């Protein structure tokens, strides 16, 4: 299966504009032959925690009509956003099939520093099956916790999907170390989606990528452009 990872510079707090960007990237991925695309953390608002805290309208549920254009692209999508739950806002990943049908949901378990005052943490691992492969889900800081990765590998997952935000300073080093390390140690292929440009208090470093099981880099984005990269896994 060919899987695409997106990198983009989000419009702060503008869900409709970011859905439009996501749709265009999905079409590009589909034209490259990809069957599934993964987007960065908080891709519908940007990493704009104050805006999210101040405006409940920026919370997006799995069946929110604003996502309909993305669900209609004909490619499976893995989109990360701020979402409402019965316990409060969460950082959620929604997975949709090629016909737009919901496949899976996941709530970020390991909240990073300032996220803890705004979001509630998830309590369950995220996994789903698509196209004959078994996938695991994680959001940015989740990937720093080996136990989470090990559980997904033990559950027989083939591909690990990471919606993340890594900045242009220390994040460059972390990105280049953590994700190939996951591929080496878990035996899963790893797909990373990341931000480029301003993302809240950081400047996203790009480098969306796909690593083969064992850690070999298959494809990698640059450090500045909104784009998709895609590679065959499985």
Protein backbone atom coordinates (compact mmCIF):
# COMPACT_ATOMS: atom_id res chain seq x y z
CA UNK A 1 0.00 0.00 0.00
CA UNK A 2 1.18 3.52 -0.77
CA UNK A 3 0.76 5.93 2.16
CA UNK A 4 1.20 9.71 2.14
CA UNK A 5 2.34 12.06 4.90
CA UNK A 6 1.34 15.71 4.73
CA UNK A 7 3.16 18.79 5.92
CA UNK A 8 1.46 22.18 5.93
CA UNK A 9 1.40 25.64 7.41
CA UNK A 10 -2.02 26.01 9.01
CA UNK A 11 -4.15 29.15 8.99
CA UNK A 12 -4.50 29.94 12.71
CA UNK A 13 -8.00 29.18 13.96
CA UNK A 14 -9.58 28.84 10.50
CA UNK A 15 -11.08 25.36 10.21
CA UNK A 16 -12.58 25.92 6.76
CA UNK A 17 -9.31 27.23 5.29
CA UNK A 18 -7.36 24.33 6.76
CA UNK A 19 -9.88 21.79 5.49
CA UNK A 20 -9.44 23.34 2.04
CA UNK A 21 -5.66 22.88 2.31
CA UNK A 22 -6.11 19.32 3.53
CA UNK A 23 -8.39 18.51 0.59
CA UNK A 24 -5.83 19.80 -1.89
CA UNK A 25 -3.10 17.70 -0.28
CA UNK A 26 -5.37 14.65 -0.31
CA UNK A 27 -5.92 15.10 -4.03
CA UNK A 28 -2.17 15.39 -4.59
CA UNK A 29 -1.61 12.20 -2.60
CA UNK A 30 -4.36 10.39 -4.51
CA UNK A 31 -2.81 11.49 -7.80
CA UNK A 32 0.49 9.95 -6.64
CA UNK A 33 -1.29 6.65 -6.10
CA UNK A 34 -1.59 6.85 -2.32
CA UNK A 35 -4.51 5.11 -0.65
CA UNK A 36 -4.21 6.84 2.73
CA UNK A 37 -2.95 10.22 3.94
CA UNK A 38 -1.90 11.36 7.41
CA UNK A 39 -1.98 14.99 8.63
CA UNK A 40 -0.07 16.79 11.43
CA UNK A 41 -1.22 17.46 14.98
CA UNK A 42 -4.09 19.98 15.27
CA UNK A 43 -4.15 20.32 11.50
CA UNK A 44 -7.58 22.00 11.44
CA UNK A 45 -6.66 24.97 13.64
CA UNK A 46 -2.91 25.03 13.81
CA UNK A 47 -1.23 24.56 17.20
CA UNK A 48 -3.11 27.54 18.58
CA UNK A 49 -4.04 26.61 22.13
CA UNK A 50 -5.30 30.04 23.20
CA UNK A 51 -7.57 30.32 20.18
CA UNK A 52 -8.92 26.84 20.87
CA UNK A 53 -9.49 27.65 24.55
CA UNK A 54 -11.35 30.87 23.70
CA UNK A 55 -13.55 29.55 20.88
CA UNK A 56 -15.59 26.33 21.29
CA UNK A 57 -16.45 26.62 17.60
CA UNK A 58 -12.92 25.40 16.82
CA UNK A 59 -13.73 21.98 18.28
CA UNK A 60 -14.55 19.51 15.51
CA UNK A 61 -16.37 16.22 16.00
CA UNK A 62 -16.00 13.13 13.85
CA UNK A 63 -19.24 13.84 11.98
CA UNK A 64 -18.84 17.62 11.76
CA UNK A 65 -20.11 18.82 8.37
CA UNK A 66 -16.98 20.96 7.97
CA UNK A 67 -15.07 17.73 7.35
CA UNK A 68 -17.34 16.59 4.53
CA UNK A 69 -15.08 17.94 1.73
CA UNK A 70 -12.16 15.96 3.17
CA UNK A 71 -14.25 12.83 3.54
CA UNK A 72 -15.26 13.13 -0.13
CA UNK A 73 -11.74 13.03 -1.62
CA UNK A 74 -11.75 9.29 -2.33
CA UNK A 75 -8.66 8.60 -0.23
CA UNK A 76 -8.56 7.32 3.33
CA UNK A 77 -7.68 10.16 5.71
CA UNK A 78 -6.16 10.40 9.19
CA UNK A 79 -6.89 13.90 10.49
CA UNK A 80 -5.91 15.32 13.89
CA UNK A 81 -7.85 18.14 15.55
CA UNK A 82 -9.26 19.59 18.75
CA UNK A 83 -12.48 17.71 19.43
CA UNK A 84 -15.27 17.79 22.00
CA UNK A 85 -15.75 14.88 24.39
CA UNK A 86 -18.04 14.36 27.36
CA UNK A 87 -15.03 15.05 29.62
CA UNK A 88 -13.87 18.20 27.84
CA UNK A 89 -11.77 19.06 24.77
CA UNK A 90 -9.27 16.48 23.56
CA UNK A 91 -6.64 16.19 20.85
CA UNK A 92 -8.31 13.64 18.60
CA UNK A 93 -7.43 11.66 15.52
CA UNK A 94 -10.29 10.68 13.21
CA UNK A 95 -9.81 8.02 10.54
CA UNK A 96 -12.08 7.84 7.47
CA UNK A 97 -12.18 5.25 4.72
CA UNK A 98 -12.11 5.91 0.99
CA UNK A 99 -15.89 6.42 0.93
CA UNK A 100 -15.75 8.82 3.86
CA UNK A 101 -17.01 6.33 6.41
CA UNK A 102 -15.61 6.64 9.97
CA UNK A 103 -13.17 3.83 10.74
CA UNK A 104 -11.53 4.78 14.03
CA UNK A 105 -11.00 7.50 16.64
CA UNK A 106 -8.10 8.07 19.00
CA UNK A 107 -7.47 10.60 21.79
CA UNK A 108 -3.91 11.68 22.56
CA UNK A 109 -2.81 9.96 25.76
CA UNK A 110 0.38 11.84 26.67
CA UNK A 111 -0.34 15.57 26.82
CA UNK A 112 2.64 17.89 26.53
CA UNK A 113 3.16 20.67 29.10
CA UNK A 114 0.73 23.49 28.20
CA UNK A 115 -1.74 21.03 26.66
CA UNK A 116 -2.51 19.65 30.13
CA UNK A 117 -4.46 22.73 31.18
CA UNK A 118 -6.74 22.63 28.17
CA UNK A 119 -7.24 19.05 26.99
CA UNK A 120 -8.26 15.78 28.61
CA UNK A 121 -6.07 12.74 27.99
CA UNK A 122 -7.20 9.62 26.21
CA UNK A 123 -7.10 6.26 27.95
CA UNK A 124 -7.13 3.77 25.07
CA UNK A 125 -4.66 2.91 22.32
CA UNK A 126 -5.67 3.64 18.74
CA UNK A 127 -5.62 0.87 16.13
CA UNK A 128 -7.50 0.05 12.96
CA UNK A 129 -7.36 -2.17 9.90
CA UNK A 130 -7.41 -0.94 6.33
CA UNK A 131 -6.36 -2.47 3.03
CA UNK A 132 -5.11 -5.65 4.64
CA UNK A 133 -2.78 -3.84 7.05
CA UNK A 134 -3.09 -3.12 10.76
CA UNK A 135 -2.32 0.46 11.81
CA UNK A 136 -1.51 2.15 15.11
CA UNK A 137 -2.09 5.82 15.94
CA UNK A 138 -0.12 8.26 18.08
CA UNK A 139 0.03 12.03 18.41
CA UNK A 140 3.39 13.79 18.80
CA UNK A 141 4.45 13.40 22.48
CA UNK A 142 2.82 9.95 22.58
CA UNK A 143 5.74 8.75 20.47
CA UNK A 144 8.19 9.50 23.28
CA UNK A 145 6.71 6.66 25.38
CA UNK A 146 8.12 3.24 24.44
CA UNK A 147 5.38 1.35 26.30
CA UNK A 148 2.72 2.78 23.99
CA UNK A 149 4.72 1.79 20.91
CA UNK A 150 5.43 -1.67 22.32
CA UNK A 151 1.73 -2.33 22.96
CA UNK A 152 0.88 -1.53 19.36
CA UNK A 153 3.68 -3.71 18.02
CA UNK A 154 2.59 -6.56 20.29
CA UNK A 155 -0.94 -6.18 18.92
CA UNK A 156 0.38 -7.03 15.46
CA UNK A 157 0.36 -3.56 13.89
CA UNK A 158 2.21 -3.20 10.59
CA UNK A 159 2.30 0.60 10.27
CA UNK A 160 2.59 3.33 12.90
CA UNK A 161 0.98 6.69 12.01
CA UNK A 162 2.19 9.82 13.83
CA UNK A 163 0.47 13.22 13.64
CA UNK A 164 3.04 15.56 15.14
CA UNK A 165 4.53 19.00 15.58
CA UNK A 166 8.30 19.34 15.72
CA UNK A 167 9.96 22.73 15.58
CA UNK A 168 13.03 24.01 13.83
CA UNK A 169 15.38 23.85 16.83
CA UNK A 170 15.44 20.86 19.18
CA UNK A 171 12.54 19.30 17.31
CA UNK A 172 14.73 18.62 14.28
CA UNK A 173 16.96 16.37 16.35
CA UNK A 174 14.05 14.64 18.09
CA UNK A 175 12.26 13.99 14.80
CA UNK A 176 15.39 12.51 13.23
CA UNK A 177 15.99 10.22 16.21
CA UNK A 178 12.62 9.09 17.55
CA UNK A 179 10.82 7.95 14.41
CA UNK A 180 13.49 5.81 12.74
CA UNK A 181 14.10 4.43 16.23
CA UNK A 182 10.46 3.37 16.48
CA UNK A 183 10.76 1.63 13.11
CA UNK A 184 13.93 -0.18 14.16
CA UNK A 185 12.72 -1.30 17.55
CA UNK A 186 9.09 -2.13 16.76
CA UNK A 187 9.41 -3.67 13.31
CA UNK A 188 6.60 -1.40 12.07
CA UNK A 189 6.77 1.02 9.19
CA UNK A 190 6.45 4.60 10.49
CA UNK A 191 4.67 7.52 8.84
CA UNK A 192 5.22 11.04 10.22
CA UNK A 193 3.15 14.12 9.35
CA UNK A 194 4.49 17.48 10.58
CA UNK A 195 4.00 21.24 10.39
CA UNK A 196 6.00 23.74 8.38
CA UNK A 197 6.11 27.44 9.19
CA UNK A 198 4.53 29.12 12.19
CA UNK A 199 2.71 26.71 14.49
CA UNK A 200 1.74 28.50 17.68
CA UNK A 201 4.97 29.19 19.60
CA UNK A 202 7.10 27.12 17.22
CA UNK A 203 8.28 27.06 13.63
CA UNK A 204 7.50 23.63 12.21
CA UNK A 205 10.53 21.92 10.68
CA UNK A 206 8.68 19.91 8.02
CA UNK A 207 10.39 16.67 7.13
CA UNK A 208 7.23 14.61 6.79
CA UNK A 209 8.51 11.12 6.12
CA UNK A 210 8.03 7.39 5.81
CA UNK A 211 10.44 4.83 7.28
CA UNK A 212 10.46 1.12 6.47
CA UNK A 213 10.41 -1.50 9.22
CA UNK A 214 14.00 -1.56 10.44
CA UNK A 215 14.42 2.21 10.14
CA UNK A 216 15.45 2.85 6.52
CA UNK A 217 14.16 6.20 5.26
CA UNK A 218 11.91 5.75 2.23
CA UNK A 219 10.87 9.35 1.53
CA UNK A 220 11.19 12.72 3.24
CA UNK A 221 9.77 16.21 2.75
CA UNK A 222 11.72 19.45 2.80
CA UNK A 223 11.82 21.99 5.64
CA UNK A 224 9.63 24.71 4.16
CA UNK A 225 6.91 23.77 1.68
CA UNK A 226 3.30 22.66 2.08
CA UNK A 227 3.39 19.27 0.36
CA UNK A 228 2.91 15.53 0.59
CA UNK A 229 5.39 12.68 0.39
CA UNK A 230 4.37 9.08 -0.24
CA UNK A 231 5.91 5.61 -0.21
CA UNK A 232 4.88 1.97 -0.40
CA UNK A 233 4.76 0.06 2.89
CA UNK A 234 3.62 -3.44 3.79
